[in-house]
Amino acid sequence: MEQHIIRPAHNKPAAVCKSWRHICHEAERLRAYIKDGKFEGNYKNAFAISHAQVSHAPLHFFVINEQIEIKGLEKGQLKKWFGSWCVINAKIIETEDLVYFPDACMSFPYRKPKNTDRWNKITVEYFIPFLWGWRKVARKFKGLPSFIVQHENEHSLGKNIYGK
């Protein structure tokens, strides 16, 4: 079955992931989909995609685009920041420094970026795949990775930047 972005976004909250075994096949499919990069609209590549954007039974995880090239950063930098290509059950536990960020969304491929309130600095707890299971990670992010977590978590909450 092929993955595709659901339009319009269904706004269903995602279920908490119970185990890596429970989500690994869906995560691998979403990983292949984001690597393929054949998206319609204004944006040919995505920084990340939430499972909530491609499933009518969403789970609380998102995948990172391991191959995206970001001006001024080395290829694969997103994966290095997050420690994995898959971020599971991300929970923001601390925030500071509210800023405006020109955010865009693959669920609305023909809309222009929208200035969105984002926390520039956050502390996040999440799980990443590890061996045959997963392991818990706690990270502090600033800038782009912080904005990515907030954006993808909104999808998991059934929200999006255009319908807040």
N, C-alpha and C. Protein backbone atom coordinates (compact mmCIF):
# COMPACT_ATOMS: atom_id res chain seq x y z
N MET A 1 0.84 -1.18 0.00
CA MET A 1 0.00 0.00 0.00
C MET A 1 0.89 1.24 0.00
N GLU A 2 0.55 2.20 -0.81
CA GLU A 2 1.31 3.42 -0.94
C GLU A 2 0.88 4.45 0.10
N GLN A 3 1.84 5.18 0.65
CA GLN A 3 1.54 6.26 1.60
C GLN A 3 1.19 7.51 0.81
N HIS A 4 0.32 8.31 1.36
CA HIS A 4 0.05 9.62 0.79
C HIS A 4 -0.46 10.54 1.89
N ILE A 5 -0.27 11.83 1.68
CA ILE A 5 -0.73 12.81 2.65
C ILE A 5 -2.25 12.91 2.55
N ILE A 6 -2.90 12.86 3.69
CA ILE A 6 -4.35 12.95 3.75
C ILE A 6 -4.77 14.40 3.57
N ARG A 7 -5.71 14.64 2.65
CA ARG A 7 -6.23 15.99 2.43
C ARG A 7 -7.72 15.97 2.39
N PRO A 8 -8.39 16.88 3.07
CA PRO A 8 -7.77 17.75 4.06
C PRO A 8 -7.37 16.95 5.29
N ALA A 9 -6.50 17.51 6.09
CA ALA A 9 -6.06 16.81 7.30
C ALA A 9 -7.28 16.44 8.14
N HIS A 10 -7.33 15.22 8.63
CA HIS A 10 -8.52 14.72 9.33
C HIS A 10 -8.63 15.20 10.77
N ASN A 11 -7.54 15.70 11.34
CA ASN A 11 -7.53 16.25 12.70
C ASN A 11 -7.87 15.24 13.79
N LYS A 12 -7.54 13.97 13.56
CA LYS A 12 -7.72 12.95 14.60
C LYS A 12 -6.49 12.91 15.48
N PRO A 13 -6.64 12.95 16.80
CA PRO A 13 -5.48 12.80 17.68
C PRO A 13 -4.86 11.41 17.52
N ALA A 14 -3.56 11.35 17.64
CA ALA A 14 -2.83 10.09 17.50
C ALA A 14 -2.81 9.31 18.82
N ALA A 15 -2.81 8.01 18.70
CA ALA A 15 -2.69 7.13 19.87
C ALA A 15 -1.23 7.01 20.27
N VAL A 16 -0.98 6.92 21.56
CA VAL A 16 0.37 6.71 22.07
C VAL A 16 0.87 5.35 21.58
N CYS A 17 2.11 5.31 21.14
CA CYS A 17 2.72 4.07 20.68
C CYS A 17 3.09 3.21 21.88
N LYS A 18 2.74 1.94 21.83
CA LYS A 18 2.97 1.03 22.95
C LYS A 18 4.31 0.30 22.88
N SER A 19 4.79 0.06 21.66
CA SER A 19 6.06 -0.64 21.51
C SER A 19 6.58 -0.43 20.10
N TRP A 20 7.89 -0.64 19.91
CA TRP A 20 8.47 -0.54 18.58
C TRP A 20 7.90 -1.61 17.66
N ARG A 21 7.73 -2.81 18.19
CA ARG A 21 7.18 -3.91 17.39
C ARG A 21 5.81 -3.53 16.82
N HIS A 22 5.04 -2.78 17.59
CA HIS A 22 3.69 -2.37 17.19
C HIS A 22 3.71 -1.39 16.01
N ILE A 23 4.78 -0.58 15.90
CA ILE A 23 4.79 0.47 14.86
C ILE A 23 5.87 0.30 13.80
N CYS A 24 6.78 -0.64 13.96
CA CYS A 24 7.96 -0.70 13.09
C CYS A 24 7.63 -0.77 11.60
N HIS A 25 6.62 -1.52 11.22
CA HIS A 25 6.30 -1.64 9.79
C HIS A 25 5.74 -0.33 9.24
N GLU A 26 4.87 0.32 10.01
CA GLU A 26 4.34 1.63 9.59
C GLU A 26 5.46 2.67 9.52
N ALA A 27 6.37 2.63 10.49
CA ALA A 27 7.47 3.58 10.52
C ALA A 27 8.38 3.39 9.30
N GLU A 28 8.69 2.15 8.97
CA GLU A 28 9.54 1.87 7.80
C GLU A 28 8.86 2.32 6.50
N ARG A 29 7.56 2.13 6.40
CA ARG A 29 6.83 2.58 5.20
C ARG A 29 6.87 4.10 5.09
N LEU A 30 6.70 4.78 6.22
CA LEU A 30 6.72 6.24 6.21
C LEU A 30 8.14 6.74 5.91
N ARG A 31 9.14 6.04 6.39
CA ARG A 31 10.54 6.37 6.09
C ARG A 31 10.80 6.29 4.59
N ALA A 32 10.34 5.23 3.95
CA ALA A 32 10.52 5.07 2.51
C ALA A 32 9.77 6.17 1.75
N TYR A 33 8.60 6.51 2.23
CA TYR A 33 7.78 7.54 1.59
C TYR A 33 8.47 8.90 1.61
N ILE A 34 9.02 9.28 2.76
CA ILE A 34 9.66 10.59 2.85
C ILE A 34 10.95 10.63 2.04
N LYS A 35 11.65 9.49 1.97
CA LYS A 35 12.88 9.42 1.16
C LYS A 35 12.58 9.58 -0.32
N ASP A 36 11.45 9.04 -0.75
CA ASP A 36 11.04 9.11 -2.16
C ASP A 36 10.89 10.56 -2.59
N GLY A 37 10.32 11.40 -1.73
CA GLY A 37 10.25 12.83 -1.96
C GLY A 37 9.43 13.30 -3.14
N LYS A 38 8.51 12.50 -3.61
CA LYS A 38 7.68 12.90 -4.76
C LYS A 38 6.37 13.50 -4.26
N PHE A 39 6.48 14.73 -3.74
CA PHE A 39 5.31 15.40 -3.19
C PHE A 39 4.77 16.39 -4.20
N GLU A 40 3.47 16.57 -4.18
CA GLU A 40 2.86 17.57 -5.04
C GLU A 40 2.91 18.92 -4.36
N GLY A 41 2.73 19.96 -5.13
CA GLY A 41 2.62 21.29 -4.55
C GLY A 41 3.92 22.07 -4.51
N ASN A 42 3.96 23.03 -3.58
CA ASN A 42 5.07 23.98 -3.49
C ASN A 42 6.35 23.38 -2.91
N TYR A 43 6.26 22.27 -2.23
CA TYR A 43 7.40 21.72 -1.49
C TYR A 43 7.72 20.32 -1.99
N LYS A 44 8.89 20.14 -2.52
CA LYS A 44 9.29 18.84 -3.07
C LYS A 44 9.86 17.91 -2.01
N ASN A 45 10.28 18.46 -0.88
CA ASN A 45 10.83 17.67 0.21
C ASN A 45 10.23 18.13 1.52
N ALA A 46 10.20 17.23 2.48
CA ALA A 46 9.70 17.54 3.82
C ALA A 46 10.82 17.33 4.82
N PHE A 47 10.87 18.16 5.87
CA PHE A 47 11.81 17.93 6.96
C PHE A 47 11.41 16.66 7.72
N ALA A 48 10.10 16.52 7.93
CA ALA A 48 9.57 15.37 8.68
C ALA A 48 8.11 15.18 8.30
N ILE A 49 7.59 13.98 8.58
CA ILE A 49 6.17 13.71 8.35
C ILE A 49 5.65 12.90 9.53
N SER A 50 4.52 13.33 10.05
CA SER A 50 3.86 12.63 11.15
C SER A 50 3.00 11.49 10.61
N HIS A 51 2.92 10.42 11.37
CA HIS A 51 2.04 9.31 10.99
C HIS A 51 0.60 9.80 10.89
N ALA A 52 0.25 10.82 11.66
CA ALA A 52 -1.10 11.38 11.62
C ALA A 52 -1.43 12.00 10.26
N GLN A 53 -0.43 12.31 9.47
CA GLN A 53 -0.66 12.88 8.15
C GLN A 53 -0.95 11.84 7.08
N VAL A 54 -0.72 10.58 7.40
CA VAL A 54 -0.89 9.54 6.38
C VAL A 54 -1.81 8.40 6.81
N SER A 55 -2.34 8.47 8.02
CA SER A 55 -3.15 7.36 8.52
C SER A 55 -4.47 7.84 9.11
N HIS A 56 -5.52 7.07 8.85
CA HIS A 56 -6.82 7.36 9.47
C HIS A 56 -6.89 6.75 10.87
N ALA A 57 -5.84 6.01 11.26
CA ALA A 57 -5.70 5.48 12.62
C ALA A 57 -4.31 5.90 13.11
N PRO A 58 -4.12 7.22 13.34
CA PRO A 58 -2.78 7.75 13.59
C PRO A 58 -2.14 7.29 14.90
N LEU A 59 -0.81 7.14 14.83
CA LEU A 59 0.00 6.80 15.98
C LEU A 59 0.97 7.95 16.22
N HIS A 60 1.38 8.14 17.46
CA HIS A 60 2.18 9.30 17.85
C HIS A 60 3.67 9.09 17.56
N PHE A 61 4.02 9.22 16.28
CA PHE A 61 5.42 9.21 15.88
C PHE A 61 5.57 9.98 14.59
N PHE A 62 6.79 10.42 14.33
CA PHE A 62 7.09 11.04 13.04
C PHE A 62 8.45 10.57 12.58
N VAL A 63 8.68 10.68 11.28
CA VAL A 63 9.97 10.30 10.71
C VAL A 63 10.66 11.55 10.18
N ILE A 64 11.97 11.51 10.24
CA ILE A 64 12.84 12.58 9.80
C ILE A 64 13.31 12.27 8.39
N ASN A 65 13.43 13.29 7.56
CA ASN A 65 14.01 13.12 6.25
C ASN A 65 15.53 13.07 6.40
N GLU A 66 16.07 11.89 6.26
CA GLU A 66 17.51 11.67 6.43
C GLU A 66 18.34 12.25 5.30
N GLN A 67 17.71 12.50 4.15
CA GLN A 67 18.45 12.89 2.97
C GLN A 67 18.33 14.36 2.60
N ILE A 68 17.47 15.09 3.31
CA ILE A 68 17.26 16.48 2.94
C ILE A 68 18.53 17.30 3.15
N GLU A 69 18.78 18.18 2.21
CA GLU A 69 19.93 19.07 2.31
C GLU A 69 19.42 20.45 2.72
N ILE A 70 19.95 20.95 3.81
CA ILE A 70 19.56 22.24 4.34
C ILE A 70 20.74 23.18 4.21
N LYS A 71 20.49 24.33 3.62
CA LYS A 71 21.57 25.30 3.38
C LYS A 71 22.35 25.55 4.68
N GLY A 72 23.65 25.41 4.59
CA GLY A 72 24.52 25.67 5.73
C GLY A 72 24.73 24.49 6.67
N LEU A 73 24.05 23.37 6.39
CA LEU A 73 24.18 22.18 7.24
C LEU A 73 24.58 20.99 6.38
N GLU A 74 25.24 20.03 7.00
CA GLU A 74 25.62 18.84 6.26
C GLU A 74 24.42 17.92 6.05
N LYS A 75 24.47 17.12 4.99
CA LYS A 75 23.42 16.17 4.72
C LYS A 75 23.31 15.19 5.89
N GLY A 76 22.09 14.92 6.33
CA GLY A 76 21.89 14.01 7.45
C GLY A 76 21.90 14.69 8.80
N GLN A 77 21.99 16.02 8.82
CA GLN A 77 22.07 16.74 10.08
C GLN A 77 20.82 16.54 10.95
N LEU A 78 19.63 16.47 10.33
CA LEU A 78 18.42 16.27 11.11
C LEU A 78 18.48 14.96 11.90
N LYS A 79 18.91 13.91 11.25
CA LYS A 79 19.02 12.61 11.92
C LYS A 79 20.01 12.69 13.08
N LYS A 80 21.11 13.40 12.89
CA LYS A 80 22.09 13.55 13.96
C LYS A 80 21.49 14.31 15.14
N TRP A 81 20.76 15.37 14.88
CA TRP A 81 20.15 16.13 15.96
C TRP A 81 19.21 15.26 16.79
N PHE A 82 18.37 14.48 16.12
CA PHE A 82 17.37 13.68 16.81
C PHE A 82 17.90 12.35 17.32
N GLY A 83 19.02 11.89 16.78
CA GLY A 83 19.59 10.62 17.19
C GLY A 83 18.97 9.44 16.48
N SER A 84 18.08 9.70 15.54
CA SER A 84 17.40 8.64 14.80
C SER A 84 16.60 9.24 13.66
N TRP A 85 16.09 8.38 12.81
CA TRP A 85 15.19 8.78 11.74
C TRP A 85 13.73 8.74 12.19
N CYS A 86 13.47 8.18 13.38
CA CYS A 86 12.10 8.03 13.88
C CYS A 86 12.01 8.57 15.30
N VAL A 87 11.03 9.44 15.55
CA VAL A 87 10.82 10.05 16.86
C VAL A 87 9.44 9.61 17.35
N ILE A 88 9.41 8.94 18.51
CA ILE A 88 8.20 8.27 18.99
C ILE A 88 7.74 8.87 20.31
N ASN A 89 6.44 9.16 20.39
CA ASN A 89 5.81 9.67 21.63
C ASN A 89 6.54 10.89 22.19
N ALA A 90 6.88 11.84 21.34
CA ALA A 90 7.60 13.03 21.78
C ALA A 90 6.74 13.85 22.74
N LYS A 91 7.35 14.22 23.85
CA LYS A 91 6.66 15.02 24.87
C LYS A 91 7.54 16.23 25.21
N ILE A 92 7.02 17.42 24.97
CA ILE A 92 7.75 18.64 25.29
C ILE A 92 7.59 18.90 26.78
N ILE A 93 8.73 19.00 27.48
CA ILE A 93 8.65 19.16 28.93
C ILE A 93 9.09 20.54 29.41
N GLU A 94 9.73 21.30 28.54
CA GLU A 94 10.16 22.64 28.93
C GLU A 94 10.24 23.51 27.67
N THR A 95 9.84 24.77 27.80
CA THR A 95 9.85 25.70 26.67
C THR A 95 10.40 27.05 27.11
N GLU A 96 11.00 27.77 26.14
CA GLU A 96 11.38 29.15 26.41
C GLU A 96 11.63 29.87 25.08
N ASP A 97 11.55 31.19 25.13
CA ASP A 97 11.88 32.07 24.02
C ASP A 97 10.89 31.93 22.85
N LEU A 98 9.72 32.49 23.00
CA LEU A 98 8.69 32.45 21.96
C LEU A 98 9.09 33.34 20.79
N VAL A 99 9.02 32.79 19.57
CA VAL A 99 9.38 33.52 18.35
C VAL A 99 8.35 33.24 17.26
N TYR A 100 8.41 34.01 16.19
CA TYR A 100 7.62 33.71 14.99
C TYR A 100 8.49 32.89 14.04
N PHE A 101 7.90 31.87 13.45
CA PHE A 101 8.62 31.03 12.50
C PHE A 101 7.74 30.85 11.27
N PRO A 102 8.29 31.06 10.05
CA PRO A 102 7.50 30.86 8.83
C PRO A 102 7.35 29.36 8.56
N ASP A 103 6.26 28.78 9.03
CA ASP A 103 6.02 27.34 9.01
C ASP A 103 5.18 26.96 7.80
N ALA A 104 5.50 25.85 7.18
CA ALA A 104 4.72 25.31 6.07
C ALA A 104 4.35 23.87 6.40
N CYS A 105 3.34 23.33 5.70
CA CYS A 105 2.85 22.00 6.02
C CYS A 105 2.58 21.19 4.76
N MET A 106 3.07 19.96 4.74
CA MET A 106 2.86 19.08 3.59
C MET A 106 1.39 18.66 3.44
N SER A 107 0.59 18.82 4.49
CA SER A 107 -0.84 18.51 4.38
C SER A 107 -1.58 19.58 3.59
N PHE A 108 -0.94 20.72 3.40
CA PHE A 108 -1.51 21.83 2.65
C PHE A 108 -0.45 22.28 1.63
N PRO A 109 -0.21 21.47 0.60
CA PRO A 109 0.95 21.65 -0.27
C PRO A 109 0.95 22.90 -1.14
N TYR A 110 -0.21 23.54 -1.29
CA TYR A 110 -0.25 24.72 -2.14
C TYR A 110 -0.36 26.02 -1.35
N ARG A 111 -0.34 25.92 -0.03
CA ARG A 111 -0.38 27.12 0.81
C ARG A 111 1.03 27.61 1.09
N LYS A 112 1.12 28.93 1.23
CA LYS A 112 2.41 29.54 1.56
C LYS A 112 2.68 29.38 3.05
N PRO A 113 3.96 29.50 3.44
CA PRO A 113 4.28 29.42 4.87
C PRO A 113 3.50 30.46 5.67
N LYS A 114 3.21 30.09 6.90
CA LYS A 114 2.45 30.96 7.80
C LYS A 114 3.33 31.28 9.01
N ASN A 115 3.44 32.57 9.35
CA ASN A 115 4.16 32.93 10.57
C ASN A 115 3.40 32.35 11.75
N THR A 116 4.09 31.51 12.48
CA THR A 116 3.48 30.73 13.56
C THR A 116 4.28 30.94 14.85
N ASP A 117 3.56 31.07 15.97
CA ASP A 117 4.24 31.13 17.26
C ASP A 117 4.93 29.79 17.52
N ARG A 118 6.21 29.84 17.80
CA ARG A 118 6.97 28.65 18.12
C ARG A 118 7.94 28.96 19.26
N TRP A 119 8.19 27.95 20.07
CA TRP A 119 9.21 28.08 21.10
C TRP A 119 10.55 27.83 20.44
N ASN A 120 11.48 28.77 20.57
CA ASN A 120 12.79 28.64 19.98
C ASN A 120 13.62 27.56 20.70
N LYS A 121 13.42 27.41 22.01
CA LYS A 121 14.16 26.43 22.80
C LYS A 121 13.18 25.52 23.52
N ILE A 122 13.40 24.22 23.40
CA ILE A 122 12.55 23.25 24.10
C ILE A 122 13.40 22.10 24.64
N THR A 123 12.86 21.45 25.64
CA THR A 123 13.42 20.19 26.12
C THR A 123 12.35 19.14 25.84
N VAL A 124 12.77 18.04 25.23
CA VAL A 124 11.84 17.01 24.77
C VAL A 124 12.30 15.64 25.26
N GLU A 125 11.33 14.82 25.61
CA GLU A 125 11.57 13.40 25.88
C GLU A 125 10.85 12.61 24.80
N TYR A 126 11.52 11.60 24.28
CA TYR A 126 10.92 10.75 23.24
C TYR A 126 11.66 9.42 23.20
N PHE A 127 11.17 8.52 22.37
CA PHE A 127 11.79 7.23 22.17
C PHE A 127 12.31 7.15 20.74
N ILE A 128 13.40 6.39 20.56
CA ILE A 128 13.93 6.12 19.23
C ILE A 128 14.16 4.62 19.10
N PRO A 129 14.09 4.10 17.86
CA PRO A 129 14.36 2.68 17.66
C PRO A 129 15.78 2.34 18.15
N PHE A 130 15.89 1.20 18.81
CA PHE A 130 17.19 0.76 19.32
C PHE A 130 17.19 -0.76 19.38
N LEU A 131 18.10 -1.36 18.62
CA LEU A 131 18.17 -2.81 18.49
C LEU A 131 16.79 -3.36 18.13
N TRP A 132 16.18 -4.19 19.00
CA TRP A 132 14.87 -4.77 18.67
C TRP A 132 13.74 -4.10 19.43
N GLY A 133 14.02 -2.95 19.99
CA GLY A 133 13.01 -2.21 20.75
C GLY A 133 13.23 -0.72 20.58
N TRP A 134 13.15 0.00 21.66
CA TRP A 134 13.41 1.43 21.62
C TRP A 134 14.07 1.87 22.91
N ARG A 135 14.59 3.08 22.90
CA ARG A 135 15.18 3.64 24.12
C ARG A 135 14.74 5.10 24.26
N LYS A 136 14.67 5.51 25.51
CA LYS A 136 14.22 6.87 25.81
C LYS A 136 15.38 7.85 25.66
N VAL A 137 15.06 9.02 25.11
CA VAL A 137 16.03 10.07 24.88
C VAL A 137 15.45 11.36 25.44
N ALA A 138 16.29 12.19 26.02
CA ALA A 138 15.90 13.54 26.43
C ALA A 138 16.90 14.49 25.77
N ARG A 139 16.38 15.47 25.05
CA ARG A 139 17.24 16.41 24.33
C ARG A 139 16.73 17.83 24.50
N LYS A 140 17.67 18.76 24.40
CA LYS A 140 17.34 20.19 24.34
C LYS A 140 17.56 20.61 22.89
N PHE A 141 16.58 21.27 22.33
CA PHE A 141 16.68 21.74 20.95
C PHE A 141 16.51 23.24 20.89
N LYS A 142 17.15 23.82 19.87
CA LYS A 142 17.01 25.25 19.60
C LYS A 142 16.83 25.41 18.09
N GLY A 143 15.94 26.31 17.69
CA GLY A 143 15.76 26.59 16.27
C GLY A 143 15.02 25.51 15.53
N LEU A 144 15.52 25.16 14.34
CA LEU A 144 14.82 24.25 13.44
C LEU A 144 14.37 22.93 14.07
N PRO A 145 15.22 22.19 14.78
CA PRO A 145 14.71 20.93 15.35
C PRO A 145 13.60 21.17 16.37
N SER A 146 13.67 22.28 17.09
CA SER A 146 12.61 22.64 18.03
C SER A 146 11.29 22.87 17.30
N PHE A 147 11.37 23.60 16.18
CA PHE A 147 10.17 23.89 15.40
C PHE A 147 9.57 22.62 14.79
N ILE A 148 10.44 21.71 14.35
CA ILE A 148 9.98 20.44 13.77
C ILE A 148 9.19 19.64 14.81
N VAL A 149 9.73 19.50 16.01
CA VAL A 149 9.04 18.74 17.06
C VAL A 149 7.67 19.35 17.33
N GLN A 150 7.61 20.67 17.47
CA GLN A 150 6.33 21.32 17.77
C GLN A 150 5.32 21.11 16.64
N HIS A 151 5.78 21.25 15.40
CA HIS A 151 4.90 21.08 14.24
C HIS A 151 4.34 19.65 14.17
N GLU A 152 5.23 18.67 14.29
CA GLU A 152 4.79 17.27 14.18
C GLU A 152 3.95 16.86 15.38
N ASN A 153 4.25 17.38 16.56
CA ASN A 153 3.41 17.09 17.73
C ASN A 153 2.01 17.66 17.55
N GLU A 154 1.89 18.80 16.90
CA GLU A 154 0.55 19.35 16.64
C GLU A 154 -0.26 18.40 15.78
N HIS A 155 0.38 17.79 14.78
CA HIS A 155 -0.34 16.79 13.97
C HIS A 155 -0.82 15.64 14.86
N SER A 156 0.03 15.20 15.78
CA SER A 156 -0.35 14.09 16.67
C SER A 156 -1.48 14.49 17.62
N LEU A 157 -1.63 15.78 17.85
CA LEU A 157 -2.74 16.27 18.69
C LEU A 157 -4.00 16.55 17.86
N GLY A 158 -3.91 16.34 16.55
CA GLY A 158 -5.05 16.60 15.68
C GLY A 158 -5.17 18.05 15.27
N LYS A 159 -4.06 18.79 15.31
CA LYS A 159 -4.04 20.21 14.95
C LYS A 159 -3.13 20.44 13.76
N ASN A 160 -3.26 21.63 13.16
CA ASN A 160 -2.35 22.03 12.11
C ASN A 160 -2.19 23.55 12.15
N ILE A 161 -1.18 24.06 11.46
CA ILE A 161 -0.86 25.48 11.54
C ILE A 161 -1.92 26.39 10.92
N TYR A 162 -2.72 25.87 10.02
CA TYR A 162 -3.71 26.70 9.34
C TYR A 162 -5.06 26.69 10.05
N GLY A 163 -5.29 25.70 10.90
CA GLY A 163 -6.58 25.58 11.55
C GLY A 163 -6.56 25.78 13.05
N LYS A 164 -5.51 26.43 13.56
CA LYS A 164 -5.41 26.62 15.01
C LYS A 164 -6.55 27.46 15.53
